[in-house]
N, C-alpha and C. Protein backbone atom coordinates (compact mmCIF):
# COMPACT_ATOMS: atom_id res chain seq x y z
N MET A 1 35.32 51.16 0.97
CA MET A 1 35.19 50.92 -0.46
C MET A 1 36.02 49.69 -0.84
N THR A 2 35.46 48.84 -1.63
CA THR A 2 36.18 47.67 -2.14
C THR A 2 36.22 47.76 -3.66
N ALA A 3 36.90 46.78 -4.28
CA ALA A 3 36.98 46.75 -5.74
C ALA A 3 35.61 46.57 -6.36
N ASN A 4 34.66 46.01 -5.55
CA ASN A 4 33.32 45.78 -6.08
C ASN A 4 32.32 46.86 -5.67
N GLY A 5 32.80 47.92 -5.06
CA GLY A 5 31.90 48.99 -4.68
C GLY A 5 31.96 49.25 -3.19
N PRO A 6 31.08 50.14 -2.68
CA PRO A 6 31.10 50.50 -1.26
C PRO A 6 30.69 49.32 -0.38
N LEU A 7 31.27 49.30 0.84
CA LEU A 7 30.88 48.28 1.81
C LEU A 7 29.46 48.52 2.29
N SER A 8 28.76 47.46 2.64
CA SER A 8 27.45 47.60 3.27
C SER A 8 27.64 48.05 4.71
N PRO A 9 26.62 48.67 5.32
CA PRO A 9 26.74 49.05 6.74
C PRO A 9 27.10 47.85 7.62
N ALA A 10 26.54 46.68 7.35
CA ALA A 10 26.85 45.49 8.15
C ALA A 10 28.32 45.12 8.02
N ALA A 11 28.85 45.15 6.79
CA ALA A 11 30.25 44.82 6.58
C ALA A 11 31.17 45.85 7.23
N GLU A 12 30.78 47.12 7.17
CA GLU A 12 31.57 48.16 7.81
C GLU A 12 31.61 47.97 9.32
N LEU A 13 30.48 47.56 9.91
CA LEU A 13 30.44 47.31 11.35
C LEU A 13 31.35 46.15 11.72
N VAL A 14 31.30 45.09 10.95
CA VAL A 14 32.17 43.93 11.22
C VAL A 14 33.63 44.34 11.14
N ALA A 15 33.99 45.10 10.13
CA ALA A 15 35.37 45.54 9.98
C ALA A 15 35.80 46.45 11.13
N TRP A 16 34.91 47.35 11.54
CA TRP A 16 35.21 48.25 12.66
C TRP A 16 35.39 47.48 13.95
N ARG A 17 34.51 46.53 14.21
CA ARG A 17 34.64 45.72 15.43
C ARG A 17 35.91 44.89 15.41
N THR A 18 36.25 44.35 14.26
CA THR A 18 37.47 43.55 14.16
C THR A 18 38.69 44.39 14.48
N ARG A 19 38.74 45.58 13.93
CA ARG A 19 39.87 46.47 14.19
C ARG A 19 39.92 46.89 15.66
N LEU A 20 38.77 47.23 16.22
CA LEU A 20 38.70 47.67 17.61
C LEU A 20 39.08 46.53 18.55
N ARG A 21 38.60 45.35 18.25
CA ARG A 21 38.91 44.16 19.06
C ARG A 21 40.43 43.95 19.12
N ARG A 22 41.07 44.03 17.96
CA ARG A 22 42.52 43.84 17.89
C ARG A 22 43.24 44.90 18.72
N GLU A 23 42.79 46.14 18.63
CA GLU A 23 43.43 47.23 19.36
C GLU A 23 43.26 47.07 20.87
N LEU A 24 42.07 46.69 21.30
CA LEU A 24 41.80 46.58 22.74
C LEU A 24 42.57 45.42 23.36
N VAL A 25 42.65 44.29 22.66
CA VAL A 25 43.40 43.16 23.19
C VAL A 25 44.88 43.51 23.28
N ALA A 26 45.41 44.14 22.26
CA ALA A 26 46.82 44.55 22.29
C ALA A 26 47.07 45.54 23.42
N GLN A 27 46.14 46.44 23.64
CA GLN A 27 46.28 47.44 24.71
C GLN A 27 46.37 46.77 26.07
N ARG A 28 45.49 45.81 26.35
CA ARG A 28 45.51 45.19 27.67
C ARG A 28 46.72 44.28 27.84
N GLU A 29 47.21 43.72 26.74
CA GLU A 29 48.40 42.87 26.85
C GLU A 29 49.66 43.70 27.13
N ARG A 30 49.59 44.98 26.89
CA ARG A 30 50.75 45.84 27.18
C ARG A 30 50.80 46.28 28.64
N VAL A 31 49.73 46.04 29.40
CA VAL A 31 49.71 46.44 30.81
C VAL A 31 50.72 45.61 31.59
N ALA A 32 51.51 46.25 32.41
CA ALA A 32 52.53 45.56 33.19
C ALA A 32 51.90 44.54 34.12
N ALA A 33 52.61 43.44 34.35
CA ALA A 33 52.07 42.34 35.15
C ALA A 33 51.67 42.80 36.55
N GLU A 34 52.46 43.65 37.18
CA GLU A 34 52.13 44.12 38.53
C GLU A 34 50.84 44.92 38.52
N ARG A 35 50.68 45.79 37.54
CA ARG A 35 49.45 46.58 37.43
C ARG A 35 48.25 45.67 37.16
N ARG A 36 48.44 44.66 36.32
CA ARG A 36 47.35 43.73 36.01
C ARG A 36 46.91 42.97 37.27
N ARG A 37 47.88 42.56 38.08
CA ARG A 37 47.53 41.86 39.32
C ARG A 37 46.73 42.75 40.25
N ALA A 38 47.11 44.02 40.33
CA ALA A 38 46.37 44.95 41.19
C ALA A 38 44.93 45.13 40.70
N LEU A 39 44.76 45.25 39.40
CA LEU A 39 43.41 45.38 38.83
C LEU A 39 42.59 44.12 39.11
N ASP A 40 43.21 42.95 38.92
CA ASP A 40 42.51 41.69 39.19
C ASP A 40 42.07 41.61 40.65
N GLU A 41 42.96 42.00 41.57
CA GLU A 41 42.63 41.94 43.00
C GLU A 41 41.44 42.84 43.31
N ARG A 42 41.43 44.03 42.75
CA ARG A 42 40.33 44.97 43.00
C ARG A 42 39.02 44.42 42.45
N ILE A 43 39.04 43.89 41.25
CA ILE A 43 37.81 43.38 40.63
C ILE A 43 37.31 42.14 41.36
N ASN A 44 38.20 41.25 41.76
CA ASN A 44 37.78 40.08 42.52
C ASN A 44 37.16 40.48 43.86
N ALA A 45 37.73 41.48 44.52
CA ALA A 45 37.16 41.94 45.79
C ALA A 45 35.76 42.49 45.60
N LEU A 46 35.54 43.24 44.52
CA LEU A 46 34.21 43.77 44.24
C LEU A 46 33.22 42.64 43.95
N LEU A 47 33.66 41.63 43.20
CA LEU A 47 32.79 40.49 42.91
C LEU A 47 32.38 39.78 44.19
N GLU A 48 33.34 39.51 45.05
CA GLU A 48 33.03 38.82 46.30
C GLU A 48 32.09 39.64 47.18
N ALA A 49 32.31 40.95 47.26
CA ALA A 49 31.50 41.80 48.12
C ALA A 49 30.08 41.96 47.62
N SER A 50 29.90 41.94 46.30
CA SER A 50 28.59 42.29 45.72
C SER A 50 27.75 41.09 45.32
N PHE A 51 28.37 39.92 45.16
CA PHE A 51 27.63 38.77 44.65
C PHE A 51 27.83 37.54 45.54
N ALA A 52 27.75 37.77 46.85
CA ALA A 52 27.92 36.66 47.80
C ALA A 52 26.86 35.59 47.60
N LEU A 53 25.70 35.95 47.03
CA LEU A 53 24.63 34.96 46.81
C LEU A 53 25.06 33.86 45.84
N LEU A 54 26.14 34.07 45.10
CA LEU A 54 26.59 33.05 44.15
C LEU A 54 27.31 31.90 44.86
N ALA A 55 27.55 32.03 46.15
CA ALA A 55 28.27 30.99 46.88
C ALA A 55 27.51 29.67 46.93
N GLN A 56 26.22 29.69 46.71
CA GLN A 56 25.43 28.45 46.74
C GLN A 56 24.90 28.09 45.35
N ARG A 57 25.52 28.63 44.31
CA ARG A 57 25.00 28.45 42.95
C ARG A 57 26.04 27.83 42.03
N ALA A 58 25.59 27.48 40.84
CA ALA A 58 26.52 27.07 39.79
C ALA A 58 26.93 28.33 39.03
N VAL A 59 28.22 28.59 38.98
CA VAL A 59 28.76 29.82 38.40
C VAL A 59 29.71 29.47 37.25
N ALA A 60 29.43 29.98 36.08
CA ALA A 60 30.32 29.82 34.94
C ALA A 60 31.33 30.97 34.91
N PHE A 61 32.53 30.64 34.52
CA PHE A 61 33.56 31.66 34.34
C PHE A 61 34.45 31.22 33.18
N CYS A 62 35.39 32.05 32.80
CA CYS A 62 36.27 31.73 31.68
C CYS A 62 37.72 31.71 32.16
N TRP A 63 38.46 30.71 31.73
CA TRP A 63 39.89 30.66 32.02
C TRP A 63 40.53 31.88 31.39
N PRO A 64 41.35 32.64 32.12
CA PRO A 64 41.86 33.91 31.57
C PRO A 64 42.69 33.70 30.31
N TYR A 65 42.39 34.51 29.32
CA TYR A 65 42.96 34.39 27.99
C TYR A 65 43.45 35.76 27.53
N ARG A 66 44.67 35.83 27.11
CA ARG A 66 45.24 37.04 26.53
C ARG A 66 45.02 38.26 27.43
N ALA A 67 45.43 38.13 28.69
CA ALA A 67 45.41 39.23 29.67
C ALA A 67 44.01 39.66 30.07
N GLU A 68 43.04 38.76 29.95
CA GLU A 68 41.71 39.03 30.50
C GLU A 68 41.79 39.16 32.02
N VAL A 69 40.77 39.77 32.61
CA VAL A 69 40.65 39.79 34.06
C VAL A 69 40.55 38.34 34.56
N ASP A 70 41.36 38.03 35.56
CA ASP A 70 41.40 36.68 36.13
C ASP A 70 40.49 36.64 37.35
N VAL A 71 39.36 35.95 37.25
CA VAL A 71 38.37 35.93 38.32
C VAL A 71 38.47 34.69 39.20
N ARG A 72 39.56 33.96 39.09
CA ARG A 72 39.65 32.69 39.82
C ARG A 72 39.68 32.86 41.33
N VAL A 73 40.10 34.02 41.82
CA VAL A 73 40.08 34.25 43.27
C VAL A 73 38.65 34.28 43.78
N ALA A 74 37.76 35.00 43.09
CA ALA A 74 36.35 35.03 43.48
C ALA A 74 35.72 33.66 43.33
N ILE A 75 36.04 32.96 42.25
CA ILE A 75 35.50 31.61 42.04
C ILE A 75 35.92 30.70 43.19
N ARG A 76 37.18 30.77 43.59
CA ARG A 76 37.66 29.94 44.69
C ARG A 76 36.92 30.26 45.98
N ALA A 77 36.71 31.55 46.24
CA ALA A 77 35.99 31.94 47.46
C ALA A 77 34.57 31.40 47.46
N TRP A 78 33.89 31.49 46.33
CA TRP A 78 32.51 30.97 46.26
C TRP A 78 32.50 29.44 46.35
N ARG A 79 33.46 28.78 45.72
CA ARG A 79 33.53 27.31 45.82
C ARG A 79 33.75 26.88 47.26
N ASP A 80 34.56 27.62 47.99
CA ASP A 80 34.81 27.29 49.39
C ASP A 80 33.54 27.36 50.22
N ARG A 81 32.55 28.11 49.72
CA ARG A 81 31.28 28.23 50.44
C ARG A 81 30.15 27.46 49.77
N GLY A 82 30.50 26.56 48.86
CA GLY A 82 29.50 25.66 48.32
C GLY A 82 29.11 25.82 46.88
N ALA A 83 29.71 26.79 46.17
CA ALA A 83 29.35 26.99 44.76
C ALA A 83 29.92 25.87 43.89
N THR A 84 29.28 25.65 42.75
CA THR A 84 29.80 24.78 41.69
C THR A 84 30.36 25.67 40.59
N ALA A 85 31.60 25.46 40.23
CA ALA A 85 32.23 26.26 39.18
C ALA A 85 32.18 25.49 37.86
N ALA A 86 32.05 26.23 36.77
CA ALA A 86 31.97 25.59 35.45
C ALA A 86 32.68 26.44 34.42
N LEU A 87 33.27 25.77 33.45
CA LEU A 87 33.96 26.44 32.35
C LEU A 87 33.25 26.13 31.03
N PRO A 88 33.29 27.05 30.07
CA PRO A 88 32.58 26.84 28.81
C PRO A 88 33.30 25.87 27.89
N GLU A 89 32.48 25.22 27.06
CA GLU A 89 32.98 24.32 26.03
C GLU A 89 32.22 24.62 24.74
N VAL A 90 32.94 24.78 23.67
CA VAL A 90 32.29 25.01 22.37
C VAL A 90 31.72 23.69 21.88
N ALA A 91 30.38 23.64 21.75
CA ALA A 91 29.71 22.40 21.34
C ALA A 91 29.71 22.23 19.82
N GLY A 92 29.89 23.32 19.10
CA GLY A 92 29.90 23.26 17.64
C GLY A 92 29.69 24.63 17.06
N SER A 93 30.06 24.82 15.82
CA SER A 93 29.92 26.12 15.17
C SER A 93 28.46 26.55 15.14
N GLY A 94 28.20 27.76 15.60
CA GLY A 94 26.84 28.29 15.58
C GLY A 94 25.96 27.81 16.71
N LEU A 95 26.48 26.98 17.61
CA LEU A 95 25.70 26.44 18.72
C LEU A 95 26.02 27.21 20.00
N PRO A 96 25.07 27.21 20.96
CA PRO A 96 25.38 27.80 22.26
C PRO A 96 26.50 27.02 22.96
N LEU A 97 27.17 27.68 23.87
CA LEU A 97 28.16 27.01 24.69
C LEU A 97 27.48 26.03 25.64
N ARG A 98 28.23 25.02 26.06
CA ARG A 98 27.80 24.24 27.21
C ARG A 98 28.87 24.38 28.27
N PHE A 99 28.51 24.11 29.50
CA PHE A 99 29.40 24.36 30.62
C PHE A 99 29.67 23.07 31.38
N ARG A 100 30.95 22.82 31.61
CA ARG A 100 31.36 21.61 32.32
C ARG A 100 31.95 21.96 33.68
N GLN A 101 31.58 21.15 34.65
CA GLN A 101 32.04 21.41 36.01
C GLN A 101 33.57 21.42 36.08
N TRP A 102 34.09 22.34 36.88
CA TRP A 102 35.52 22.47 37.07
C TRP A 102 35.84 22.56 38.55
N TRP A 103 36.97 21.98 38.92
CA TRP A 103 37.50 22.12 40.26
C TRP A 103 39.02 22.08 40.14
N PRO A 104 39.75 22.62 41.10
CA PRO A 104 41.21 22.55 41.03
C PRO A 104 41.68 21.10 40.93
N GLY A 105 42.49 20.83 39.94
CA GLY A 105 42.97 19.47 39.72
C GLY A 105 42.18 18.70 38.69
N ALA A 106 41.05 19.25 38.22
CA ALA A 106 40.28 18.58 37.17
C ALA A 106 41.13 18.48 35.91
N THR A 107 40.99 17.35 35.21
CA THR A 107 41.75 17.18 33.96
C THR A 107 41.28 18.19 32.92
N MET A 108 42.22 18.87 32.30
CA MET A 108 41.90 19.90 31.32
C MET A 108 42.50 19.53 29.97
N VAL A 109 41.82 19.95 28.92
CA VAL A 109 42.31 19.74 27.56
C VAL A 109 42.20 21.06 26.81
N PRO A 110 43.00 21.27 25.76
CA PRO A 110 42.87 22.51 24.98
C PRO A 110 41.51 22.57 24.29
N GLY A 111 40.81 23.69 24.47
CA GLY A 111 39.53 23.89 23.79
C GLY A 111 39.68 24.91 22.68
N ALA A 112 38.58 25.63 22.40
CA ALA A 112 38.61 26.66 21.36
C ALA A 112 39.68 27.69 21.68
N LEU A 113 40.41 28.12 20.67
CA LEU A 113 41.50 29.09 20.77
C LEU A 113 42.64 28.58 21.66
N GLY A 114 42.63 27.28 21.97
CA GLY A 114 43.64 26.72 22.85
C GLY A 114 43.40 26.97 24.32
N ILE A 115 42.22 27.51 24.68
CA ILE A 115 41.91 27.81 26.07
C ILE A 115 41.56 26.50 26.80
N PRO A 116 42.13 26.27 27.98
CA PRO A 116 41.85 25.02 28.70
C PRO A 116 40.37 24.85 29.03
N ALA A 117 39.90 23.61 28.89
CA ALA A 117 38.50 23.26 29.21
C ALA A 117 38.52 21.91 29.93
N PRO A 118 37.56 21.67 30.84
CA PRO A 118 37.51 20.39 31.53
C PRO A 118 37.27 19.24 30.56
N ALA A 119 37.89 18.12 30.85
CA ALA A 119 37.78 16.94 29.98
C ALA A 119 36.67 16.02 30.47
N GLY A 120 35.49 16.16 29.88
CA GLY A 120 34.40 15.22 30.11
C GLY A 120 33.76 15.25 31.47
N THR A 121 33.89 16.35 32.22
CA THR A 121 33.21 16.43 33.51
C THR A 121 31.72 16.70 33.28
N GLU A 122 30.95 16.70 34.35
CA GLU A 122 29.50 16.85 34.26
C GLU A 122 29.11 18.19 33.63
N VAL A 123 28.12 18.16 32.75
CA VAL A 123 27.57 19.38 32.17
C VAL A 123 26.60 20.00 33.16
N VAL A 124 26.74 21.29 33.41
CA VAL A 124 25.87 21.98 34.36
C VAL A 124 25.24 23.19 33.68
N VAL A 125 24.11 23.61 34.21
CA VAL A 125 23.44 24.83 33.74
C VAL A 125 23.72 25.92 34.77
N PRO A 126 24.47 26.95 34.41
CA PRO A 126 24.86 27.96 35.41
C PRO A 126 23.71 28.88 35.80
N ALA A 127 23.71 29.27 37.06
CA ALA A 127 22.79 30.30 37.53
C ALA A 127 23.34 31.69 37.23
N ALA A 128 24.64 31.77 37.08
CA ALA A 128 25.29 33.05 36.78
C ALA A 128 26.52 32.78 35.93
N ALA A 129 26.91 33.78 35.16
CA ALA A 129 28.10 33.67 34.32
C ALA A 129 28.93 34.94 34.45
N LEU A 130 30.21 34.76 34.75
CA LEU A 130 31.15 35.87 34.71
C LEU A 130 31.73 35.90 33.30
N VAL A 131 31.42 36.95 32.57
CA VAL A 131 31.68 37.00 31.14
C VAL A 131 32.82 37.98 30.84
N PRO A 132 33.90 37.52 30.23
CA PRO A 132 34.99 38.45 29.90
C PRO A 132 34.59 39.39 28.78
N LEU A 133 35.05 40.63 28.88
CA LEU A 133 34.71 41.66 27.90
C LEU A 133 35.98 42.16 27.24
N VAL A 134 36.02 42.10 25.91
CA VAL A 134 37.09 42.80 25.20
C VAL A 134 36.83 44.29 25.28
N GLY A 135 35.57 44.67 25.13
CA GLY A 135 35.14 46.04 25.29
C GLY A 135 33.71 46.06 25.77
N PHE A 136 33.26 47.21 26.25
CA PHE A 136 31.85 47.35 26.68
C PHE A 136 31.46 48.81 26.53
N ASP A 137 30.14 49.02 26.44
CA ASP A 137 29.67 50.39 26.26
C ASP A 137 28.71 50.80 27.36
N GLY A 138 28.21 52.03 27.26
CA GLY A 138 27.36 52.60 28.29
C GLY A 138 26.00 51.96 28.41
N GLY A 139 25.63 51.13 27.44
CA GLY A 139 24.37 50.40 27.52
C GLY A 139 24.54 49.01 28.09
N GLY A 140 25.76 48.65 28.47
CA GLY A 140 26.00 47.32 29.01
C GLY A 140 26.24 46.26 27.97
N TYR A 141 26.45 46.68 26.72
CA TYR A 141 26.70 45.71 25.66
C TYR A 141 28.17 45.36 25.58
N ARG A 142 28.44 44.14 25.18
CA ARG A 142 29.77 43.55 25.22
C ARG A 142 30.36 43.39 23.82
N LEU A 143 31.61 43.79 23.68
CA LEU A 143 32.39 43.41 22.51
C LEU A 143 33.20 42.20 22.89
N GLY A 144 32.96 41.07 22.20
CA GLY A 144 33.70 39.84 22.48
C GLY A 144 34.70 39.56 21.39
N TYR A 145 34.94 38.28 21.15
CA TYR A 145 35.95 37.89 20.16
C TYR A 145 35.37 37.68 18.77
N GLY A 146 34.06 37.89 18.62
CA GLY A 146 33.47 37.87 17.29
C GLY A 146 32.74 36.59 16.91
N GLY A 147 32.80 35.57 17.76
CA GLY A 147 32.12 34.32 17.44
C GLY A 147 30.65 34.30 17.80
N GLY A 148 30.23 35.22 18.67
CA GLY A 148 28.83 35.29 19.05
C GLY A 148 28.39 34.20 20.02
N TYR A 149 29.33 33.46 20.60
CA TYR A 149 28.96 32.32 21.43
C TYR A 149 28.21 32.73 22.69
N PHE A 150 28.71 33.75 23.39
CA PHE A 150 28.04 34.13 24.63
C PHE A 150 26.67 34.73 24.36
N ASP A 151 26.52 35.51 23.30
CA ASP A 151 25.20 36.06 22.98
C ASP A 151 24.21 34.94 22.71
N ARG A 152 24.60 33.95 21.91
CA ARG A 152 23.71 32.82 21.63
C ARG A 152 23.38 32.05 22.90
N THR A 153 24.39 31.88 23.74
CA THR A 153 24.20 31.10 24.95
C THR A 153 23.24 31.80 25.91
N LEU A 154 23.48 33.07 26.17
CA LEU A 154 22.61 33.80 27.09
C LEU A 154 21.18 33.87 26.58
N ALA A 155 21.02 33.99 25.27
CA ALA A 155 19.68 34.06 24.69
C ALA A 155 18.96 32.72 24.75
N SER A 156 19.72 31.62 24.79
CA SER A 156 19.10 30.30 24.69
C SER A 156 18.80 29.65 26.04
N LEU A 157 19.54 30.02 27.08
CA LEU A 157 19.37 29.34 28.36
C LEU A 157 18.09 29.80 29.05
N VAL A 158 17.35 28.85 29.59
CA VAL A 158 16.11 29.13 30.32
C VAL A 158 16.18 28.40 31.66
N PRO A 159 16.16 29.14 32.77
CA PRO A 159 16.14 30.60 32.85
C PRO A 159 17.49 31.19 32.46
N ARG A 160 17.44 32.43 32.01
CA ARG A 160 18.68 33.09 31.62
C ARG A 160 19.53 33.36 32.85
N PRO A 161 20.80 32.98 32.83
CA PRO A 161 21.65 33.22 34.00
C PRO A 161 21.93 34.70 34.20
N LEU A 162 22.27 35.04 35.43
CA LEU A 162 22.73 36.39 35.73
C LEU A 162 24.05 36.59 34.99
N ALA A 163 24.13 37.63 34.17
CA ALA A 163 25.32 37.88 33.34
C ALA A 163 26.11 39.04 33.93
N VAL A 164 27.30 38.73 34.41
CA VAL A 164 28.16 39.73 35.03
C VAL A 164 29.41 39.88 34.16
N GLY A 165 29.50 40.97 33.44
CA GLY A 165 30.66 41.22 32.61
C GLY A 165 31.83 41.71 33.45
N VAL A 166 33.04 41.30 33.10
CA VAL A 166 34.23 41.74 33.84
C VAL A 166 35.25 42.29 32.85
N ALA A 167 35.80 43.45 33.19
CA ALA A 167 36.78 44.13 32.34
C ALA A 167 37.43 45.22 33.15
N THR A 168 38.41 45.87 32.57
CA THR A 168 38.98 47.08 33.18
C THR A 168 38.36 48.30 32.51
N GLU A 169 38.51 49.43 33.16
CA GLU A 169 37.94 50.66 32.62
C GLU A 169 38.55 51.02 31.27
N ALA A 170 39.73 50.55 30.99
CA ALA A 170 40.36 50.83 29.69
C ALA A 170 39.57 50.25 28.54
N ALA A 171 38.69 49.30 28.82
CA ALA A 171 37.89 48.67 27.76
C ALA A 171 36.56 49.39 27.52
N ARG A 172 36.30 50.46 28.26
CA ARG A 172 35.02 51.18 28.11
C ARG A 172 35.01 51.95 26.80
N LEU A 173 33.88 51.88 26.08
CA LEU A 173 33.71 52.51 24.78
C LEU A 173 32.44 53.38 24.78
N PRO A 174 32.38 54.38 23.92
CA PRO A 174 31.13 55.15 23.81
C PRO A 174 29.96 54.26 23.37
N THR A 175 30.21 53.37 22.41
CA THR A 175 29.19 52.43 21.95
C THR A 175 29.87 51.31 21.18
N ILE A 176 29.24 50.13 21.18
CA ILE A 176 29.70 49.07 20.27
C ILE A 176 28.76 48.98 19.07
N HIS A 177 27.82 49.93 18.97
CA HIS A 177 26.79 49.90 17.94
C HIS A 177 26.05 48.55 18.00
N PRO A 178 25.35 48.31 19.14
CA PRO A 178 24.71 47.00 19.32
C PRO A 178 23.71 46.67 18.24
N GLN A 179 23.67 45.40 17.90
CA GLN A 179 22.76 44.86 16.90
C GLN A 179 21.70 44.01 17.58
N PRO A 180 20.65 43.62 16.86
CA PRO A 180 19.56 42.85 17.50
C PRO A 180 20.02 41.58 18.19
N HIS A 181 21.10 40.96 17.71
CA HIS A 181 21.56 39.71 18.32
C HIS A 181 22.41 39.95 19.56
N ASP A 182 22.86 41.17 19.80
CA ASP A 182 23.70 41.44 20.96
C ASP A 182 22.86 41.41 22.24
N VAL A 183 23.40 40.83 23.28
CA VAL A 183 22.70 40.69 24.56
C VAL A 183 23.44 41.52 25.60
N ALA A 184 22.73 42.43 26.25
CA ALA A 184 23.35 43.27 27.28
C ALA A 184 23.62 42.46 28.54
N MET A 185 24.67 42.82 29.24
CA MET A 185 24.95 42.25 30.55
C MET A 185 23.93 42.75 31.57
N ASP A 186 23.83 42.04 32.69
CA ASP A 186 23.04 42.55 33.82
C ASP A 186 23.88 43.49 34.67
N PHE A 187 25.16 43.16 34.80
CA PHE A 187 26.11 43.99 35.54
C PHE A 187 27.43 43.99 34.78
N ILE A 188 28.20 45.05 34.98
CA ILE A 188 29.59 45.08 34.52
C ILE A 188 30.44 45.54 35.69
N VAL A 189 31.48 44.77 35.98
CA VAL A 189 32.37 45.07 37.10
C VAL A 189 33.74 45.42 36.56
N THR A 190 34.22 46.59 36.93
CA THR A 190 35.57 47.04 36.61
C THR A 190 36.25 47.47 37.90
N GLU A 191 37.50 47.89 37.80
CA GLU A 191 38.18 48.36 39.00
C GLU A 191 37.51 49.60 39.59
N ALA A 192 36.69 50.30 38.79
CA ALA A 192 36.01 51.51 39.27
C ALA A 192 34.76 51.20 40.08
N GLY A 193 34.26 49.96 40.00
CA GLY A 193 33.07 49.63 40.77
C GLY A 193 32.17 48.64 40.06
N VAL A 194 31.03 48.39 40.69
CA VAL A 194 30.01 47.50 40.15
C VAL A 194 28.95 48.36 39.48
N HIS A 195 28.68 48.07 38.21
CA HIS A 195 27.73 48.86 37.43
C HIS A 195 26.58 47.96 37.00
N ALA A 196 25.37 48.36 37.39
CA ALA A 196 24.18 47.64 36.94
C ALA A 196 23.68 48.26 35.65
N VAL A 197 23.08 47.43 34.80
CA VAL A 197 22.46 47.94 33.58
C VAL A 197 21.00 48.21 33.91
N VAL A 198 20.64 49.48 34.01
CA VAL A 198 19.31 49.91 34.42
C VAL A 198 18.72 50.80 33.33
N ASP A 199 17.62 50.37 32.75
CA ASP A 199 16.98 51.15 31.69
C ASP A 199 17.96 51.51 30.58
N GLY A 200 18.79 50.54 30.22
CA GLY A 200 19.70 50.73 29.09
C GLY A 200 20.92 51.57 29.38
N ALA A 201 21.24 51.78 30.64
CA ALA A 201 22.41 52.58 30.98
C ALA A 201 23.13 51.97 32.18
N LEU A 202 24.44 52.20 32.28
CA LEU A 202 25.21 51.71 33.41
C LEU A 202 25.05 52.64 34.60
N VAL A 203 24.73 52.04 35.75
CA VAL A 203 24.56 52.79 36.99
C VAL A 203 25.47 52.15 38.04
N ARG A 204 26.39 52.93 38.58
CA ARG A 204 27.30 52.39 39.58
C ARG A 204 26.58 52.25 40.91
N LEU A 205 26.75 51.10 41.56
CA LEU A 205 26.06 50.80 42.80
C LEU A 205 27.03 50.36 43.88
N PRO A 206 26.73 50.70 45.15
CA PRO A 206 27.50 50.11 46.25
C PRO A 206 27.19 48.63 46.37
N ALA A 207 28.04 47.92 47.10
CA ALA A 207 27.93 46.46 47.17
C ALA A 207 26.55 46.00 47.63
N ALA A 208 26.02 46.61 48.66
CA ALA A 208 24.73 46.16 49.21
C ALA A 208 23.61 46.33 48.19
N ALA A 209 23.61 47.45 47.48
CA ALA A 209 22.57 47.69 46.48
C ALA A 209 22.72 46.73 45.31
N ALA A 210 23.95 46.47 44.89
CA ALA A 210 24.18 45.51 43.80
C ALA A 210 23.72 44.12 44.21
N ALA A 211 24.01 43.74 45.44
CA ALA A 211 23.60 42.41 45.93
C ALA A 211 22.08 42.28 45.93
N ALA A 212 21.40 43.33 46.38
CA ALA A 212 19.94 43.28 46.43
C ALA A 212 19.35 43.22 45.02
N LEU A 213 19.91 44.00 44.10
CA LEU A 213 19.41 43.99 42.72
C LEU A 213 19.66 42.62 42.08
N ALA A 214 20.83 42.05 42.29
CA ALA A 214 21.13 40.73 41.72
C ALA A 214 20.17 39.68 42.26
N ALA A 215 19.88 39.74 43.55
CA ALA A 215 18.95 38.78 44.14
C ALA A 215 17.56 38.94 43.52
N GLY A 216 17.14 40.18 43.29
CA GLY A 216 15.84 40.42 42.68
C GLY A 216 15.77 39.91 41.26
N ILE A 217 16.82 40.15 40.48
CA ILE A 217 16.85 39.67 39.09
C ILE A 217 16.75 38.14 39.06
N MET A 218 17.52 37.49 39.91
CA MET A 218 17.53 36.03 39.92
C MET A 218 16.19 35.47 40.38
N ALA A 219 15.56 36.14 41.34
CA ALA A 219 14.25 35.69 41.81
C ALA A 219 13.21 35.82 40.69
N ARG A 220 13.24 36.92 39.96
CA ARG A 220 12.26 37.12 38.87
C ARG A 220 12.45 36.10 37.77
N ARG A 221 13.68 35.69 37.52
CA ARG A 221 13.95 34.69 36.48
C ARG A 221 13.75 33.25 36.97
N GLY A 222 13.53 33.10 38.25
CA GLY A 222 13.34 31.76 38.78
C GLY A 222 14.61 30.95 38.87
N ILE A 223 15.73 31.66 39.09
CA ILE A 223 17.02 30.97 39.19
C ILE A 223 17.22 30.50 40.63
């Protein structure tokens, strides 16, 4: 309720997501550094075991921000086997992200929210994106930071890249109350395992099955 009357359902959802986002980020920032490193190691190992096909592809990832899962170990392993790594750049308000090639030692500048971004390197179209999750639900939908950049980007890229969400199990929610603009991940990886989004639900898969499913998705999309 406001001074002008009851909130609309849309406004109530925005307020709820804002509050939840703040709580989840604060929660993960309270995790001890040693525990966070252990979680990162487990998630990176699962990524490497299940998505080896990304070693010959262009892979987008995000520089870790506010205690996000740090996927740079998996990125380094794939780069060592021929992958091209790329980081997102905000092209403008309301526009999809673009991705610039990154390598260790590339010149970086502060981007959106002060997160480092490559300075003027080549723009690439990723075959896959490792997407950080503030929260996620049983349908594979992602709670992000509220700007809608990844949803717009995934919806606009042709072919659509393989979307692999990364988070810890502490970020799992019953629902984010997805809206028409929300885009579900193809997979979500947590310390508990690799989860594919199958018929609108998360299904945990062993590495070999996840690898086969990812290859099939990418083949159907022509990636």
